[in-house]
């Protein structure tokens, strides 16, 4: 077999077709892992880019007079945004307290400030936890894929050596396909792992940055509400986020509040 013919048998498709069941299974598994991780990567990149833009909008809305009214109007256009659900949870606690007249005394106003702060923190934690979904996939692929590919390589080399021993021939035509098939598994493992590791680090950094922005936004809302409380103003416009996801998040906030009480 000439060098040209050997090279023709070393294409990825040829290597896959020549592999045994174990190596084929590993190659398919690594390919699926890579596709899933790329789905998560694209989703996180697009989602965090949108969240950063929205956070800048919310920060600008909280500047100046009647900032909460402006913020509520902005949030009505983005009811699926995490901060919209956080704001809804905070204002819902504010309105419940005023309906029950629990803010009449000095201690009641202090308790309201504390509850608003706690609800804001809990709601933020719930939203950050939701945003963390998918990162475990990247971490798993990034850490496990190279070892899975290495296992495929070891198995493939064992098969290659068995083929060499059976044919009693160490020429390139006999050795190259088996060795290439084995190394193909390691290469595919690295192809799956490297983007996953890079994306995990990037997404983790973006998540930490966004969590800080949420904390800043919650603090700004609390400052505005504290001013209204001292001024005796009770009206705060809320945002309707009564969607399935929003209801799930609010349920979590209620449950965590009950646990922390």
C-alpha atoms as a PDB file:
ATOM      1  CA  UNK A   1       0.000   0.000   0.000  1.00  0.00           C
ATOM      2  CA  UNK A   2       1.453   3.360  -1.015  1.00  0.00           C
ATOM      3  CA  UNK A   3       1.752   6.405   1.222  1.00  0.00           C
ATOM      4  CA  UNK A   4      -1.175   7.998  -0.617  1.00  0.00           C
ATOM      5  CA  UNK A   5      -3.370   4.980   0.048  1.00  0.00           C
ATOM      6  CA  UNK A   6      -2.315   4.938   3.717  1.00  0.00           C
ATOM      7  CA  UNK A   7      -3.217   8.620   4.053  1.00  0.00           C
ATOM      8  CA  UNK A   8      -6.614   7.952   2.504  1.00  0.00           C
ATOM      9  CA  UNK A   9      -7.322   5.448   5.264  1.00  0.00           C
ATOM     10  CA  UNK A  10      -6.417   7.968   7.980  1.00  0.00           C
ATOM     11  CA  UNK A  11      -9.333  10.352   7.486  1.00  0.00           C
ATOM     12  CA  UNK A  12     -11.623  10.768  10.524  1.00  0.00           C
ATOM     13  CA  UNK A  13     -14.455   8.881   8.834  1.00  0.00           C
ATOM     14  CA  UNK A  14     -12.184   5.997   7.822  1.00  0.00           C
ATOM     15  CA  UNK A  15     -10.693   5.842  11.322  1.00  0.00           C
ATOM     16  CA  UNK A  16     -14.172   5.683  12.835  1.00  0.00           C
ATOM     17  CA  UNK A  17     -15.282   2.944  10.469  1.00  0.00           C
ATOM     18  CA  UNK A  18     -12.158   0.878  11.169  1.00  0.00           C
ATOM     19  CA  UNK A  19     -12.455   1.172  14.960  1.00  0.00           C
ATOM     20  CA  UNK A  20     -13.913  -1.625  17.062  1.00  0.00           C
ATOM     21  CA  UNK A  21     -17.126  -1.302  19.076  1.00  0.00           C
ATOM     22  CA  UNK A  22     -15.441   0.021  22.239  1.00  0.00           C
ATOM     23  CA  UNK A  23     -13.518   2.766  20.450  1.00  0.00           C
ATOM     24  CA  UNK A  24     -16.545   3.651  18.311  1.00  0.00           C
ATOM     25  CA  UNK A  25     -18.652   4.029  21.446  1.00  0.00           C
ATOM     26  CA  UNK A  26     -16.027   6.306  22.967  1.00  0.00           C
ATOM     27  CA  UNK A  27     -15.847   8.424  19.820  1.00  0.00           C
ATOM     28  CA  UNK A  28     -19.635   8.770  19.678  1.00  0.00           C
ATOM     29  CA  UNK A  29     -19.760   9.654  23.384  1.00  0.00           C
ATOM     30  CA  UNK A  30     -17.083  12.323  22.996  1.00  0.00           C
ATOM     31  CA  UNK A  31     -18.822  13.752  19.942  1.00  0.00           C
ATOM     32  CA  UNK A  32     -22.124  14.008  21.811  1.00  0.00           C
ATOM     33  CA  UNK A  33     -20.362  15.554  24.822  1.00  0.00           C
ATOM     34  CA  UNK A  34     -18.758  18.135  22.547  1.00  0.00           C
ATOM     35  CA  UNK A  35     -22.090  19.007  20.916  1.00  0.00           C
ATOM     36  CA  UNK A  36     -23.816  19.365  24.288  1.00  0.00           C
ATOM     37  CA  UNK A  37     -21.026  21.528  25.684  1.00  0.00           C
ATOM     38  CA  UNK A  38     -21.117  23.771  22.609  1.00  0.00           C
ATOM     39  CA  UNK A  39     -24.867  24.168  23.089  1.00  0.00           C
ATOM     40  CA  UNK A  40     -24.250  25.301  26.666  1.00  0.00           C
ATOM     41  CA  UNK A  41     -21.379  27.572  25.555  1.00  0.00           C
ATOM     42  CA  UNK A  42     -23.498  29.382  22.960  1.00  0.00           C
ATOM     43  CA  UNK A  43     -26.428  29.700  25.370  1.00  0.00           C
ATOM     44  CA  UNK A  44     -24.243  31.166  28.135  1.00  0.00           C
ATOM     45  CA  UNK A  45     -22.421  33.585  25.846  1.00  0.00           C
ATOM     46  CA  UNK A  46     -25.663  34.969  24.423  1.00  0.00           C
ATOM     47  CA  UNK A  47     -27.453  35.004  27.775  1.00  0.00           C
ATOM     48  CA  UNK A  48     -24.739  36.793  29.741  1.00  0.00           C
ATOM     49  CA  UNK A  49     -24.262  39.340  26.967  1.00  0.00           C
ATOM     50  CA  UNK A  50     -27.976  40.161  27.145  1.00  0.00           C
ATOM     51  CA  UNK A  51     -27.935  40.264  30.951  1.00  0.00           C
ATOM     52  CA  UNK A  52     -25.011  42.703  30.940  1.00  0.00           C
ATOM     53  CA  UNK A  53     -26.873  45.025  28.574  1.00  0.00           C
ATOM     54  CA  UNK A  54     -30.020  44.850  30.674  1.00  0.00           C
ATOM     55  CA  UNK A  55     -28.106  45.462  33.905  1.00  0.00           C
ATOM     56  CA  UNK A  56     -26.646  48.653  32.419  1.00  0.00           C
ATOM     57  CA  UNK A  57     -30.188  49.753  31.519  1.00  0.00           C
ATOM     58  CA  UNK A  58     -31.481  49.053  35.039  1.00  0.00           C
ATOM     59  CA  UNK A  59     -28.571  50.959  36.595  1.00  0.00           C
ATOM     60  CA  UNK A  60     -29.284  53.979  34.398  1.00  0.00           C
ATOM     61  CA  UNK A  61     -32.989  53.820  35.266  1.00  0.00           C
ATOM     62  CA  UNK A  62     -32.170  53.969  38.977  1.00  0.00           C
ATOM     63  CA  UNK A  63     -30.400  57.305  38.612  1.00  0.00           C
ATOM     64  CA  UNK A  64     -32.265  60.538  39.286  1.00  0.00           C
ATOM     65  CA  UNK A  65     -35.763  61.349  40.509  1.00  0.00           C
ATOM     66  CA  UNK A  66     -38.642  58.853  40.545  1.00  0.00           C
ATOM     67  CA  UNK A  67     -36.156  56.157  39.682  1.00  0.00           C
ATOM     68  CA  UNK A  68     -38.344  53.256  40.850  1.00  0.00           C
ATOM     69  CA  UNK A  69     -41.172  54.312  38.526  1.00  0.00           C
ATOM     70  CA  UNK A  70     -38.747  54.506  35.611  1.00  0.00           C
ATOM     71  CA  UNK A  71     -37.261  51.156  36.581  1.00  0.00           C
ATOM     72  CA  UNK A  72     -40.690  49.509  36.786  1.00  0.00           C
ATOM     73  CA  UNK A  73     -41.569  50.785  33.317  1.00  0.00           C
ATOM     74  CA  UNK A  74     -38.301  49.406  31.930  1.00  0.00           C
ATOM     75  CA  UNK A  75     -38.750  46.048  33.654  1.00  0.00           C
ATOM     76  CA  UNK A  76     -42.240  45.608  32.201  1.00  0.00           C
ATOM     77  CA  UNK A  77     -40.557  45.134  28.844  1.00  0.00           C
ATOM     78  CA  UNK A  78     -38.251  42.413  30.240  1.00  0.00           C
ATOM     79  CA  UNK A  79     -40.316  40.359  32.679  1.00  0.00           C
ATOM     80  CA  UNK A  80     -38.110  37.303  32.134  1.00  0.00           C
ATOM     81  CA  UNK A  81     -34.981  39.125  33.297  1.00  0.00           C
ATOM     82  CA  UNK A  82     -33.623  37.842  36.644  1.00  0.00           C
ATOM     83  CA  UNK A  83     -33.629  41.338  38.129  1.00  0.00           C
ATOM     84  CA  UNK A  84     -37.314  41.757  37.213  1.00  0.00           C
ATOM     85  CA  UNK A  85     -38.137  38.789  39.443  1.00  0.00           C
ATOM     86  CA  UNK A  86     -35.891  40.110  42.222  1.00  0.00           C
ATOM     87  CA  UNK A  87     -37.559  43.518  42.027  1.00  0.00           C
ATOM     88  CA  UNK A  88     -40.996  41.867  42.065  1.00  0.00           C
ATOM     89  CA  UNK A  89     -40.104  39.918  45.223  1.00  0.00           C
ATOM     90  CA  UNK A  90     -38.837  43.061  46.984  1.00  0.00           C
ATOM     91  CA  UNK A  91     -41.827  45.211  46.050  1.00  0.00           C
ATOM     92  CA  UNK A  92     -44.225  42.400  46.918  1.00  0.00           C
ATOM     93  CA  UNK A  93     -42.771  42.341  50.455  1.00  0.00           C
ATOM     94  CA  UNK A  94     -43.013  46.150  50.612  1.00  0.00           C
ATOM     95  CA  UNK A  95     -46.665  46.162  49.537  1.00  0.00           C
ATOM     96  CA  UNK A  96     -47.608  43.306  51.874  1.00  0.00           C
ATOM     97  CA  UNK A  97     -46.092  45.171  54.821  1.00  0.00           C
ATOM     98  CA  UNK A  98     -47.992  48.355  53.960  1.00  0.00           C
ATOM     99  CA  UNK A  99     -51.279  46.482  53.482  1.00  0.00           C
ATOM    100  CA  UNK A 100     -50.885  44.972  56.931  1.00  0.00           C
ATOM    101  CA  UNK A 101     -49.828  48.328  58.414  1.00  0.00           C
ATOM    102  CA  UNK A 102     -46.678  46.811  59.903  1.00  0.00           C
ATOM    103  CA  UNK A 103     -44.610  49.930  59.172  1.00  0.00           C
ATOM    104  CA  UNK A 104     -46.470  52.315  61.469  1.00  0.00           C
ATOM    105  CA  UNK A 105     -43.921  52.225  64.292  1.00  0.00           C
ATOM    106  CA  UNK A 106     -40.185  52.899  64.244  1.00  0.00           C
ATOM    107  CA  UNK A 107     -39.432  49.246  64.940  1.00  0.00           C
ATOM    108  CA  UNK A 108     -41.828  48.246  62.171  1.00  0.00           C
ATOM    109  CA  UNK A 109     -39.971  50.432  59.674  1.00  0.00           C
ATOM    110  CA  UNK A 110     -36.649  48.960  60.768  1.00  0.00           C
ATOM    111  CA  UNK A 111     -38.083  45.469  60.384  1.00  0.00           C
ATOM    112  CA  UNK A 112     -39.345  46.358  56.907  1.00  0.00           C
ATOM    113  CA  UNK A 113     -35.870  47.482  55.845  1.00  0.00           C
ATOM    114  CA  UNK A 114     -34.412  44.256  57.177  1.00  0.00           C
ATOM    115  CA  UNK A 115     -37.008  42.101  55.429  1.00  0.00           C
ATOM    116  CA  UNK A 116     -36.542  43.943  52.140  1.00  0.00           C
ATOM    117  CA  UNK A 117     -32.800  43.376  52.403  1.00  0.00           C
ATOM    118  CA  UNK A 118     -33.256  39.687  53.189  1.00  0.00           C
ATOM    119  CA  UNK A 119     -35.781  39.133  50.397  1.00  0.00           C
ATOM    120  CA  UNK A 120     -33.446  40.862  47.949  1.00  0.00           C
ATOM    121  CA  UNK A 121     -30.541  38.655  48.964  1.00  0.00           C
ATOM    122  CA  UNK A 122     -32.587  35.453  48.816  1.00  0.00           C
ATOM    123  CA  UNK A 123     -34.107  36.322  45.441  1.00  0.00           C
ATOM    124  CA  UNK A 124     -30.637  37.157  44.090  1.00  0.00           C
ATOM    125  CA  UNK A 125     -29.280  33.822  45.321  1.00  0.00           C
ATOM    126  CA  UNK A 126     -32.163  32.001  43.627  1.00  0.00           C
ATOM    127  CA  UNK A 127     -31.493  33.745  40.318  1.00  0.00           C
ATOM    128  CA  UNK A 128     -27.735  33.144  40.475  1.00  0.00           C
ATOM    129  CA  UNK A 129     -28.418  29.487  41.200  1.00  0.00           C
ATOM    130  CA  UNK A 130     -30.644  29.336  38.120  1.00  0.00           C
ATOM    131  CA  UNK A 131     -27.901  30.900  35.999  1.00  0.00           C
ATOM    132  CA  UNK A 132     -25.412  28.296  37.224  1.00  0.00           C
ATOM    133  CA  UNK A 133     -27.323  25.541  35.457  1.00  0.00           C
ATOM    134  CA  UNK A 134     -25.265  24.134  32.628  1.00  0.00           C
ATOM    135  CA  UNK A 135     -21.898  25.055  34.100  1.00  0.00           C
ATOM    136  CA  UNK A 136     -21.628  21.600  35.667  1.00  0.00           C
ATOM    137  CA  UNK A 137     -21.894  20.146  32.144  1.00  0.00           C
ATOM    138  CA  UNK A 138     -18.895  22.203  31.025  1.00  0.00           C
ATOM    139  CA  UNK A 139     -16.946  21.265  34.131  1.00  0.00           C
ATOM    140  CA  UNK A 140     -17.688  17.564  33.658  1.00  0.00           C
ATOM    141  CA  UNK A 141     -16.803  17.536  29.962  1.00  0.00           C
ATOM    142  CA  UNK A 142     -13.651  19.549  30.578  1.00  0.00           C
ATOM    143  CA  UNK A 143     -12.389  17.232  33.295  1.00  0.00           C
ATOM    144  CA  UNK A 144     -13.577  13.823  32.066  1.00  0.00           C
ATOM    145  CA  UNK A 145     -13.311  13.995  28.258  1.00  0.00           C
ATOM    146  CA  UNK A 146      -9.472  13.776  28.102  1.00  0.00           C
ATOM    147  CA  UNK A 147      -9.472  10.639  30.250  1.00  0.00           C
ATOM    148  CA  UNK A 148     -12.241   9.053  28.196  1.00  0.00           C
ATOM    149  CA  UNK A 149     -10.248   9.795  25.063  1.00  0.00           C
ATOM    150  CA  UNK A 150      -7.119   8.391  26.699  1.00  0.00           C
ATOM    151  CA  UNK A 151      -8.974   5.192  27.495  1.00  0.00           C
ATOM    152  CA  UNK A 152      -9.947   4.922  23.838  1.00  0.00           C
ATOM    153  CA  UNK A 153      -6.311   5.467  22.871  1.00  0.00           C
ATOM    154  CA  UNK A 154      -5.053   2.729  25.200  1.00  0.00           C
ATOM    155  CA  UNK A 155      -7.690   0.338  23.925  1.00  0.00           C
ATOM    156  CA  UNK A 156      -6.915   1.186  20.315  1.00  0.00           C
ATOM    157  CA  UNK A 157      -3.156   0.713  20.788  1.00  0.00           C
ATOM    158  CA  UNK A 158      -3.794  -2.672  22.386  1.00  0.00           C
ATOM    159  CA  UNK A 159      -5.812  -3.669  19.316  1.00  0.00           C
ATOM    160  CA  UNK A 160      -3.077  -2.299  17.039  1.00  0.00           C
ATOM    161  CA  UNK A 161      -0.401  -4.367  18.782  1.00  0.00           C
ATOM    162  CA  UNK A 162      -2.580  -7.443  18.534  1.00  0.00           C
ATOM    163  CA  UNK A 163      -2.953  -6.805  14.794  1.00  0.00           C
ATOM    164  CA  UNK A 164       0.811  -6.405  14.401  1.00  0.00           C
ATOM    165  CA  UNK A 165       1.436  -9.642  16.288  1.00  0.00           C
ATOM    166  CA  UNK A 166      -1.144 -11.529  14.231  1.00  0.00           C
ATOM    167  CA  UNK A 167       0.221 -10.311  10.889  1.00  0.00           C
ATOM    168  CA  UNK A 168       3.877 -10.417  11.952  1.00  0.00           C
ATOM    169  CA  UNK A 169       4.356  -7.264   9.931  1.00  0.00           C
ATOM    170  CA  UNK A 170       5.518  -3.877  11.213  1.00  0.00           C
ATOM    171  CA  UNK A 171       5.268  -1.945   7.967  1.00  0.00           C
ATOM    172  CA  UNK A 172       3.579   1.477   7.860  1.00  0.00           C
ATOM    173  CA  UNK A 173       0.541   0.049   6.110  1.00  0.00           C
ATOM    174  CA  UNK A 174      -0.108  -2.262   9.054  1.00  0.00           C
ATOM    175  CA  UNK A 175       0.911  -0.018  11.969  1.00  0.00           C
ATOM    176  CA  UNK A 176      -0.369   3.419  10.917  1.00  0.00           C
ATOM    177  CA  UNK A 177      -4.153   2.823  10.809  1.00  0.00           C
ATOM    178  CA  UNK A 178      -4.291   1.216  14.242  1.00  0.00           C
ATOM    179  CA  UNK A 179      -2.100   3.847  15.901  1.00  0.00           C
ATOM    180  CA  UNK A 180      -3.970   6.684  14.174  1.00  0.00           C
ATOM    181  CA  UNK A 181      -7.289   5.203  15.267  1.00  0.00           C
ATOM    182  CA  UNK A 182      -6.042   5.107  18.854  1.00  0.00           C
ATOM    183  CA  UNK A 183      -4.703   8.665  18.817  1.00  0.00           C
ATOM    184  CA  UNK A 184      -7.918   9.897  17.190  1.00  0.00           C
ATOM    185  CA  UNK A 185      -9.753   9.151  20.445  1.00  0.00           C
ATOM    186  CA  UNK A 186      -7.329  11.302  22.447  1.00  0.00           C
ATOM    187  CA  UNK A 187      -7.589  14.112  19.895  1.00  0.00           C
ATOM    188  CA  UNK A 188     -11.374  14.041  20.039  1.00  0.00           C
ATOM    189  CA  UNK A 189     -11.246  14.062  23.831  1.00  0.00           C
ATOM    190  CA  UNK A 190      -9.110  17.210  23.752  1.00  0.00           C
ATOM    191  CA  UNK A 191     -11.388  18.794  21.140  1.00  0.00           C
ATOM    192  CA  UNK A 192     -14.307  18.284  23.531  1.00  0.00           C
ATOM    193  CA  UNK A 193     -12.441  19.272  26.711  1.00  0.00           C
ATOM    194  CA  UNK A 194     -10.507  22.409  25.740  1.00  0.00           C
ATOM    195  CA  UNK A 195     -13.498  24.569  24.667  1.00  0.00           C
ATOM    196  CA  UNK A 196     -15.455  23.333  27.701  1.00  0.00           C
ATOM    197  CA  UNK A 197     -12.703  24.369  30.127  1.00  0.00           C
ATOM    198  CA  UNK A 198     -12.222  27.767  28.493  1.00  0.00           C
ATOM    199  CA  UNK A 199     -15.968  28.403  28.390  1.00  0.00           C
ATOM    200  CA  UNK A 200     -16.411  27.280  32.003  1.00  0.00           C
ATOM    201  CA  UNK A 201     -13.809  29.774  33.199  1.00  0.00           C
ATOM    202  CA  UNK A 202     -15.355  32.533  31.097  1.00  0.00           C
ATOM    203  CA  UNK A 203     -18.915  31.742  32.199  1.00  0.00           C
ATOM    204  CA  UNK A 204     -17.882  31.537  35.860  1.00  0.00           C
ATOM    205  CA  UNK A 205     -16.272  34.960  35.600  1.00  0.00           C
ATOM    206  CA  UNK A 206     -19.337  36.395  33.861  1.00  0.00           C
ATOM    207  CA  UNK A 207     -21.601  34.874  36.504  1.00  0.00           C
ATOM    208  CA  UNK A 208     -19.566  36.339  39.373  1.00  0.00           C
ATOM    209  CA  UNK A 209     -19.556  39.731  37.663  1.00  0.00           C
ATOM    210  CA  UNK A 210     -23.312  39.606  37.091  1.00  0.00           C
ATOM    211  CA  UNK A 211     -23.928  38.518  40.685  1.00  0.00           C
ATOM    212  CA  UNK A 212     -22.052  41.646  41.760  1.00  0.00           C
ATOM    213  CA  UNK A 213     -24.213  43.771  39.454  1.00  0.00           C
ATOM    214  CA  UNK A 214     -27.347  42.224  40.939  1.00  0.00           C
ATOM    215  CA  UNK A 215     -26.099  43.038  44.423  1.00  0.00           C
ATOM    216  CA  UNK A 216     -25.509  46.655  43.368  1.00  0.00           C
ATOM    217  CA  UNK A 217     -28.957  46.926  41.781  1.00  0.00           C
ATOM    218  CA  UNK A 218     -30.657  45.453  44.849  1.00  0.00           C
ATOM    219  CA  UNK A 219     -28.767  47.919  47.027  1.00  0.00           C
ATOM    220  CA  UNK A 220     -29.906  50.855  44.875  1.00  0.00           C
ATOM    221  CA  UNK A 221     -33.531  49.711  45.099  1.00  0.00           C
ATOM    222  CA  UNK A 222     -33.233  49.377  48.873  1.00  0.00           C
ATOM    223  CA  UNK A 223     -31.861  52.927  49.114  1.00  0.00           C
ATOM    224  CA  UNK A 224     -34.779  54.299  47.096  1.00  0.00           C
ATOM    225  CA  UNK A 225     -37.316  52.369  49.176  1.00  0.00           C
ATOM    226  CA  UNK A 226     -35.679  53.577  52.397  1.00  0.00           C
ATOM    227  CA  UNK A 227     -36.053  57.163  51.211  1.00  0.00           C
ATOM    228  CA  UNK A 228     -39.713  56.605  50.407  1.00  0.00           C
ATOM    229  CA  UNK A 229     -40.247  54.998  53.799  1.00  0.00           C
ATOM    230  CA  UNK A 230     -38.758  57.980  55.610  1.00  0.00           C
ATOM    231  CA  UNK A 231     -40.796  60.347  53.454  1.00  0.00           C
ATOM    232  CA  UNK A 232     -44.000  58.436  54.197  1.00  0.00           C
ATOM    233  CA  UNK A 233     -44.559  57.396  50.577  1.00  0.00           C
ATOM    234  CA  UNK A 234     -46.112  53.948  50.273  1.00  0.00           C
ATOM    235  CA  UNK A 235     -46.848  53.654  46.548  1.00  0.00           C
ATOM    236  CA  UNK A 236     -44.321  51.580  44.602  1.00  0.00           C
ATOM    237  CA  UNK A 237     -45.131  50.281  41.143  1.00  0.00           C
ATOM    238  CA  UNK A 238     -44.662  46.527  40.800  1.00  0.00           C
ATOM    239  CA  UNK A 239     -43.854  44.367  37.796  1.00  0.00           C
ATOM    240  CA  UNK A 240     -46.025  41.414  36.801  1.00  0.00           C
ATOM    241  CA  UNK A 241     -43.749  38.413  36.378  1.00  0.00           C
ATOM    242  CA  UNK A 242     -46.441  35.759  36.884  1.00  0.00           C
ATOM    243  CA  UNK A 243     -44.912  33.282  34.450  1.00  0.00           C
ATOM    244  CA  UNK A 244     -44.122  29.646  35.139  1.00  0.00           C
ATOM    245  CA  UNK A 245     -40.442  30.440  35.671  1.00  0.00           C
ATOM    246  CA  UNK A 246     -41.239  33.502  37.736  1.00  0.00           C
ATOM    247  CA  UNK A 247     -43.643  31.582  39.941  1.00  0.00           C
ATOM    248  CA  UNK A 248     -40.977  28.921  40.481  1.00  0.00           C
ATOM    249  CA  UNK A 249     -38.452  31.541  41.519  1.00  0.00           C
ATOM    250  CA  UNK A 250     -40.900  33.283  43.847  1.00  0.00           C
ATOM    251  CA  UNK A 251     -41.803  29.915  45.391  1.00  0.00           C
ATOM    252  CA  UNK A 252     -38.129  29.381  46.105  1.00  0.00           C
ATOM    253  CA  UNK A 253     -37.865  32.825  47.686  1.00  0.00           C
ATOM    254  CA  UNK A 254     -40.821  32.075  49.949  1.00  0.00           C
ATOM    255  CA  UNK A 255     -39.396  28.705  50.955  1.00  0.00           C
ATOM    256  CA  UNK A 256     -35.985  30.123  51.729  1.00  0.00           C
ATOM    257  CA  UNK A 257     -37.521  32.983  53.683  1.00  0.00           C
ATOM    258  CA  UNK A 258     -39.426  30.484  55.787  1.00  0.00           C
ATOM    259  CA  UNK A 259     -36.251  28.506  56.436  1.00  0.00           C
ATOM    260  CA  UNK A 260     -34.299  31.613  57.401  1.00  0.00           C
ATOM    261  CA  UNK A 261     -37.012  32.931  59.746  1.00  0.00           C
END
